[in-house]
Amino acid sequence: MNKKDHVLNGLLLAVGLGYVLHPNGDLQTLRTVAAVLVPVTLGALAPDIDTDFGKHRKTLHNVFFVGVFFAYPFFFDNLQYVWIGVVTHYVLDVVGSKRGIALFYPLWDREFGLPVGVTTSSQYATLVTIVVTVLELVLVAVAIYYVPHLLPPGIEDPLGRINATATAAMGR
C-alpha cells in the first residue's frame, strides 16, 4: 500500500476503535478516538521509514520491529497504541499488496503475502485498504465482545473485565 492508504487505514481504524470500544457515540467515544488517533496513525506510517534506508518491506516490516513497539509501553508507559498502527500496516502490506513483507528479516529474507493483493499504484488500492480496515475492526469487535464469553469464569478479557456472567452461572 502507499502512504495515503496507510494514513487512511490509521484514521479509519482509530474512529472504528472508538466506536467498537464505546459504541454509544457519546463523549467517551470521542475521547477514545482522540486518544488513539495520533499514535495509531503514526504507527501505520512508521514501517515505511525503511524506504529511506535499509531494505523496504524488510528492515522495519518484521516481527522484531512490532515487538519493540508492543513492549515499549510496559517499560516506559507511553506509545500504548502505536503498535496497533504498526500491526495494521503489516496486515495491509501482507493482504493488500502483491509483494508481501519479510516478517522474519534479518533472519529470513522470504517475503510473505497473500495472492489477493493489488499493486500500490492500482486504482483499487484505496478500496482494498477500506475493506481490510473493516475486516480488522470486525476481528477486534469479535475479540472484545464474543471471545470473553468463551473464557473460563473469573478470567479477564482484553479490556480487563472479569467474565462475570460465566462466574455467576457457576455459582461463584
C-alpha atoms as a PDB file:
ATOM      1  CA  MET A   1       0.000   0.000   0.000  1.00  0.00           C
ATOM      2  CA  ASN A   2       1.029   3.607  -0.411  1.00  0.00           C
ATOM      3  CA  LYS A   3       1.407   6.323   2.248  1.00  0.00           C
ATOM      4  CA  LYS A   4      -2.032   7.798   1.601  1.00  0.00           C
ATOM      5  CA  ASP A   5      -3.696   4.424   2.123  1.00  0.00           C
ATOM      6  CA  HIS A   6      -1.727   3.717   5.311  1.00  0.00           C
ATOM      7  CA  VAL A   7      -2.857   7.102   6.693  1.00  0.00           C
ATOM      8  CA  LEU A   8      -6.449   6.327   5.671  1.00  0.00           C
ATOM      9  CA  ASN A   9      -6.183   2.948   7.393  1.00  0.00           C
ATOM     10  CA  GLY A  10      -4.888   4.563  10.605  1.00  0.00           C
ATOM     11  CA  LEU A  11      -7.631   7.206  10.627  1.00  0.00           C
ATOM     12  CA  LEU A  12     -10.441   4.744   9.902  1.00  0.00           C
ATOM     13  CA  LEU A  13      -9.072   2.298  12.435  1.00  0.00           C
ATOM     14  CA  ALA A  14      -8.907   4.975  15.156  1.00  0.00           C
ATOM     15  CA  VAL A  15     -12.501   6.066  14.552  1.00  0.00           C
ATOM     16  CA  GLY A  16     -13.636   2.453  14.321  1.00  0.00           C
ATOM     17  CA  LEU A  17     -11.863   1.526  17.562  1.00  0.00           C
ATOM     18  CA  GLY A  18     -13.585   4.438  19.289  1.00  0.00           C
ATOM     19  CA  TYR A  19     -16.958   3.038  18.289  1.00  0.00           C
ATOM     20  CA  VAL A  20     -16.055  -0.602  18.931  1.00  0.00           C
ATOM     21  CA  LEU A  21     -14.878   0.212  22.455  1.00  0.00           C
ATOM     22  CA  HIS A  22     -17.636   2.767  23.193  1.00  0.00           C
ATOM     23  CA  PRO A  23     -20.499   2.172  20.733  1.00  0.00           C
ATOM     24  CA  ASN A  24     -22.839   4.827  22.198  1.00  0.00           C
ATOM     25  CA  GLY A  25     -21.292   7.591  20.102  1.00  0.00           C
ATOM     26  CA  ASP A  26     -21.025   9.808  23.166  1.00  0.00           C
ATOM     27  CA  LEU A  27     -18.204  11.857  24.680  1.00  0.00           C
ATOM     28  CA  GLN A  28     -16.369   8.685  25.754  1.00  0.00           C
ATOM     29  CA  THR A  29     -16.353   7.508  22.130  1.00  0.00           C
ATOM     30  CA  LEU A  30     -14.849  10.834  21.071  1.00  0.00           C
ATOM     31  CA  ARG A  31     -12.238  10.663  23.846  1.00  0.00           C
ATOM     32  CA  THR A  32     -11.227   7.175  22.747  1.00  0.00           C
ATOM     33  CA  VAL A  33     -10.913   8.279  19.118  1.00  0.00           C
ATOM     34  CA  ALA A  34      -8.794  11.250  20.236  1.00  0.00           C
ATOM     35  CA  ALA A  35      -6.593   9.014  22.404  1.00  0.00           C
ATOM     36  CA  VAL A  36      -5.806   6.510  19.649  1.00  0.00           C
ATOM     37  CA  LEU A  37      -5.902   8.695  16.517  1.00  0.00           C
ATOM     38  CA  VAL A  38      -2.353  10.075  16.503  1.00  0.00           C
ATOM     39  CA  PRO A  39      -0.490   7.006  17.828  1.00  0.00           C
ATOM     40  CA  VAL A  40      -2.335   4.543  15.566  1.00  0.00           C
ATOM     41  CA  THR A  41      -1.835   6.745  12.501  1.00  0.00           C
ATOM     42  CA  LEU A  42       1.858   7.278  13.307  1.00  0.00           C
ATOM     43  CA  GLY A  43       2.227   3.538  13.823  1.00  0.00           C
ATOM     44  CA  ALA A  44       0.546   2.920  10.478  1.00  0.00           C
ATOM     45  CA  LEU A  45       3.240   5.052   8.824  1.00  0.00           C
ATOM     46  CA  ALA A  46       6.281   4.006  10.879  1.00  0.00           C
ATOM     47  CA  PRO A  47       7.310   0.840   8.989  1.00  0.00           C
ATOM     48  CA  ASP A  48       7.667   2.776   5.721  1.00  0.00           C
ATOM     49  CA  ILE A  49      10.528   4.805   7.176  1.00  0.00           C
ATOM     50  CA  ASP A  50      12.661   1.973   5.794  1.00  0.00           C
ATOM     51  CA  THR A  51      12.139   3.337   2.270  1.00  0.00           C
ATOM     52  CA  ASP A  52      14.871   5.895   3.056  1.00  0.00           C
ATOM     53  CA  PHE A  53      17.382   3.367   4.400  1.00  0.00           C
ATOM     54  CA  GLY A  54      17.772  -0.378   4.575  1.00  0.00           C
ATOM     55  CA  LYS A  55      15.583  -2.660   2.526  1.00  0.00           C
ATOM     56  CA  HIS A  56      11.947  -1.639   2.101  1.00  0.00           C
ATOM     57  CA  ARG A  57       9.433  -4.142   3.425  1.00  0.00           C
ATOM     58  CA  LYS A  58      12.231  -5.887   5.268  1.00  0.00           C
ATOM     59  CA  THR A  59      14.201  -3.639   7.646  1.00  0.00           C
ATOM     60  CA  LEU A  60      11.146  -2.340   9.549  1.00  0.00           C
ATOM     61  CA  HIS A  61       8.484  -4.743   8.284  1.00  0.00           C
ATOM     62  CA  ASN A  62       9.116  -7.642  10.656  1.00  0.00           C
ATOM     63  CA  VAL A  63       8.028  -9.145  13.965  1.00  0.00           C
ATOM     64  CA  PHE A  64      11.046  -7.690  15.764  1.00  0.00           C
ATOM     65  CA  PHE A  65      10.065  -4.106  14.898  1.00  0.00           C
ATOM     66  CA  VAL A  66       6.465  -4.553  16.036  1.00  0.00           C
ATOM     67  CA  GLY A  67       7.760  -6.323  19.151  1.00  0.00           C
ATOM     68  CA  VAL A  68       9.662  -3.183  20.161  1.00  0.00           C
ATOM     69  CA  PHE A  69       6.504  -1.074  19.895  1.00  0.00           C
ATOM     70  CA  PHE A  70       4.401  -3.706  21.640  1.00  0.00           C
ATOM     71  CA  ALA A  71       6.841  -3.982  24.567  1.00  0.00           C
ATOM     72  CA  TYR A  72       7.658  -0.270  24.864  1.00  0.00           C
ATOM     73  CA  PRO A  73       4.600   0.721  26.974  1.00  0.00           C
ATOM     74  CA  PHE A  74       5.402  -1.985  29.522  1.00  0.00           C
ATOM     75  CA  PHE A  75       8.708  -0.262  30.268  1.00  0.00           C
ATOM     76  CA  PHE A  76       8.078   3.425  29.545  1.00  0.00           C
ATOM     77  CA  ASP A  77       4.295   3.896  29.922  1.00  0.00           C
ATOM     78  CA  ASN A  78       3.769   5.575  26.567  1.00  0.00           C
ATOM     79  CA  LEU A  79       3.291   4.618  22.930  1.00  0.00           C
ATOM     80  CA  GLN A  80       0.407   2.364  24.015  1.00  0.00           C
ATOM     81  CA  TYR A  81      -1.367   2.413  20.681  1.00  0.00           C
ATOM     82  CA  VAL A  82       1.468   2.788  18.166  1.00  0.00           C
ATOM     83  CA  TRP A  83       1.832  -1.000  17.869  1.00  0.00           C
ATOM     84  CA  ILE A  84      -1.778  -1.189  16.615  1.00  0.00           C
ATOM     85  CA  GLY A  85      -0.836   1.041  13.693  1.00  0.00           C
ATOM     86  CA  VAL A  86       2.324  -0.972  13.005  1.00  0.00           C
ATOM     87  CA  VAL A  87       0.393  -4.263  13.011  1.00  0.00           C
ATOM     88  CA  THR A  88      -2.319  -2.884  10.735  1.00  0.00           C
ATOM     89  CA  HIS A  89       0.407  -1.614   8.380  1.00  0.00           C
ATOM     90  CA  TYR A  90       1.764  -5.156   8.179  1.00  0.00           C
ATOM     91  CA  VAL A  91      -1.706  -6.592   7.596  1.00  0.00           C
ATOM     92  CA  LEU A  92      -2.276  -4.150   4.738  1.00  0.00           C
ATOM     93  CA  ASP A  93       1.073  -4.989   3.154  1.00  0.00           C
ATOM     94  CA  VAL A  94       0.533  -8.752   3.514  1.00  0.00           C
ATOM     95  CA  VAL A  95      -3.126  -8.874   2.459  1.00  0.00           C
ATOM     96  CA  GLY A  96      -3.480  -5.787   0.308  1.00  0.00           C
ATOM     97  CA  SER A  97      -0.299  -5.745  -1.751  1.00  0.00           C
ATOM     98  CA  LYS A  98       1.151  -8.174  -4.260  1.00  0.00           C
ATOM     99  CA  ARG A  99       4.631  -8.307  -2.746  1.00  0.00           C
ATOM    100  CA  GLY A 100       4.078  -9.024   0.959  1.00  0.00           C
ATOM    101  CA  ILE A 101       6.663  -8.404   3.699  1.00  0.00           C
ATOM    102  CA  ALA A 102       9.709 -10.156   5.154  1.00  0.00           C
ATOM    103  CA  LEU A 103       8.233 -10.929   8.585  1.00  0.00           C
ATOM    104  CA  PHE A 104      11.363 -12.586   9.944  1.00  0.00           C
ATOM    105  CA  TYR A 105      14.022 -10.318   8.432  1.00  0.00           C
ATOM    106  CA  PRO A 106      17.024 -10.258   9.043  1.00  0.00           C
ATOM    107  CA  LEU A 107      16.876 -13.957   9.960  1.00  0.00           C
ATOM    108  CA  TRP A 108      14.994 -14.878   6.789  1.00  0.00           C
ATOM    109  CA  ASP A 109      14.605 -12.807   3.600  1.00  0.00           C
ATOM    110  CA  ARG A 110      11.465 -14.575   2.378  1.00  0.00           C
ATOM    111  CA  GLU A 111       8.512 -12.226   1.871  1.00  0.00           C
ATOM    112  CA  PHE A 112       5.077 -13.374   2.967  1.00  0.00           C
ATOM    113  CA  GLY A 113       1.919 -12.179   1.262  1.00  0.00           C
ATOM    114  CA  LEU A 114      -1.437 -13.373   0.037  1.00  0.00           C
ATOM    115  CA  PRO A 115      -2.254 -13.743  -3.656  1.00  0.00           C
ATOM    116  CA  VAL A 116      -5.250 -11.400  -3.352  1.00  0.00           C
ATOM    117  CA  GLY A 117      -3.382  -8.098  -3.168  1.00  0.00           C
ATOM    118  CA  VAL A 118      -3.060  -5.249  -5.618  1.00  0.00           C
ATOM    119  CA  THR A 119      -0.090  -3.124  -6.633  1.00  0.00           C
ATOM    120  CA  THR A 120       0.454   0.094  -4.685  1.00  0.00           C
ATOM    121  CA  SER A 121      -0.380   2.117  -7.790  1.00  0.00           C
ATOM    122  CA  SER A 122      -3.609   0.218  -8.508  1.00  0.00           C
ATOM    123  CA  GLN A 123      -6.860   2.129  -8.815  1.00  0.00           C
ATOM    124  CA  TYR A 124      -8.262  -0.384  -6.312  1.00  0.00           C
ATOM    125  CA  ALA A 125      -5.615   0.189  -3.604  1.00  0.00           C
ATOM    126  CA  THR A 126      -7.841   2.533  -1.573  1.00  0.00           C
ATOM    127  CA  LEU A 127     -10.826   0.184  -1.833  1.00  0.00           C
ATOM    128  CA  VAL A 128      -8.648  -2.711  -0.645  1.00  0.00           C
ATOM    129  CA  THR A 129      -7.461  -0.520   2.254  1.00  0.00           C
ATOM    130  CA  ILE A 130     -11.037   0.191   3.322  1.00  0.00           C
ATOM    131  CA  VAL A 131     -12.084  -3.469   3.052  1.00  0.00           C
ATOM    132  CA  VAL A 132      -9.058  -4.658   5.053  1.00  0.00           C
ATOM    133  CA  THR A 133      -9.689  -1.982   7.710  1.00  0.00           C
ATOM    134  CA  VAL A 134     -13.329  -3.034   8.079  1.00  0.00           C
ATOM    135  CA  LEU A 135     -12.243  -6.674   8.442  1.00  0.00           C
ATOM    136  CA  GLU A 136      -9.691  -5.664  11.097  1.00  0.00           C
ATOM    137  CA  LEU A 137     -12.391  -3.819  13.044  1.00  0.00           C
ATOM    138  CA  VAL A 138     -14.729  -6.814  12.808  1.00  0.00           C
ATOM    139  CA  LEU A 139     -11.976  -9.044  14.223  1.00  0.00           C
ATOM    140  CA  VAL A 140     -11.361  -6.574  17.070  1.00  0.00           C
ATOM    141  CA  ALA A 141     -15.086  -6.434  17.859  1.00  0.00           C
ATOM    142  CA  VAL A 142     -15.299 -10.239  17.896  1.00  0.00           C
ATOM    143  CA  ALA A 143     -12.250 -10.407  20.180  1.00  0.00           C
ATOM    144  CA  ILE A 144     -13.754  -7.869  22.570  1.00  0.00           C
ATOM    145  CA  TYR A 145     -17.414  -8.882  22.614  1.00  0.00           C
ATOM    146  CA  TYR A 146     -17.527 -12.579  21.698  1.00  0.00           C
ATOM    147  CA  VAL A 147     -14.274 -14.147  22.904  1.00  0.00           C
ATOM    148  CA  PRO A 148     -14.785 -13.129  26.581  1.00  0.00           C
ATOM    149  CA  HIS A 149     -17.850 -15.379  26.680  1.00  0.00           C
ATOM    150  CA  LEU A 150     -15.574 -18.283  25.789  1.00  0.00           C
ATOM    151  CA  LEU A 151     -13.140 -17.554  28.628  1.00  0.00           C
ATOM    152  CA  PRO A 152     -13.302 -19.627  31.809  1.00  0.00           C
ATOM    153  CA  PRO A 153     -15.078 -17.999  34.770  1.00  0.00           C
ATOM    154  CA  GLY A 154     -13.037 -15.382  36.612  1.00  0.00           C
ATOM    155  CA  ILE A 155     -10.623 -14.759  33.716  1.00  0.00           C
ATOM    156  CA  GLU A 156     -10.214 -11.193  32.484  1.00  0.00           C
ATOM    157  CA  ASP A 157     -10.965 -10.306  28.878  1.00  0.00           C
ATOM    158  CA  PRO A 158      -8.682  -7.996  26.847  1.00  0.00           C
ATOM    159  CA  LEU A 159     -10.356  -4.919  28.373  1.00  0.00           C
ATOM    160  CA  GLY A 160      -9.777  -6.131  31.917  1.00  0.00           C
ATOM    161  CA  ARG A 161     -13.393  -7.097  32.556  1.00  0.00           C
ATOM    162  CA  ILE A 162     -13.869 -10.296  34.520  1.00  0.00           C
ATOM    163  CA  ASN A 163     -16.159 -12.824  32.897  1.00  0.00           C
ATOM    164  CA  ALA A 164     -18.868 -12.179  35.482  1.00  0.00           C
ATOM    165  CA  THR A 165     -21.629 -13.911  33.501  1.00  0.00           C
ATOM    166  CA  ALA A 166     -19.779 -17.203  33.499  1.00  0.00           C
ATOM    167  CA  THR A 167     -18.697 -16.662  37.101  1.00  0.00           C
ATOM    168  CA  ALA A 168     -22.318 -16.064  38.190  1.00  0.00           C
ATOM    169  CA  ALA A 169     -23.531 -19.057  36.201  1.00  0.00           C
ATOM    170  CA  MET A 170     -21.032 -21.239  38.028  1.00  0.00           C
ATOM    171  CA  GLY A 171     -22.440 -20.051  41.365  1.00  0.00           C
ATOM    172  CA  ARG A 172     -19.294 -18.217  42.436  1.00  0.00           C
END
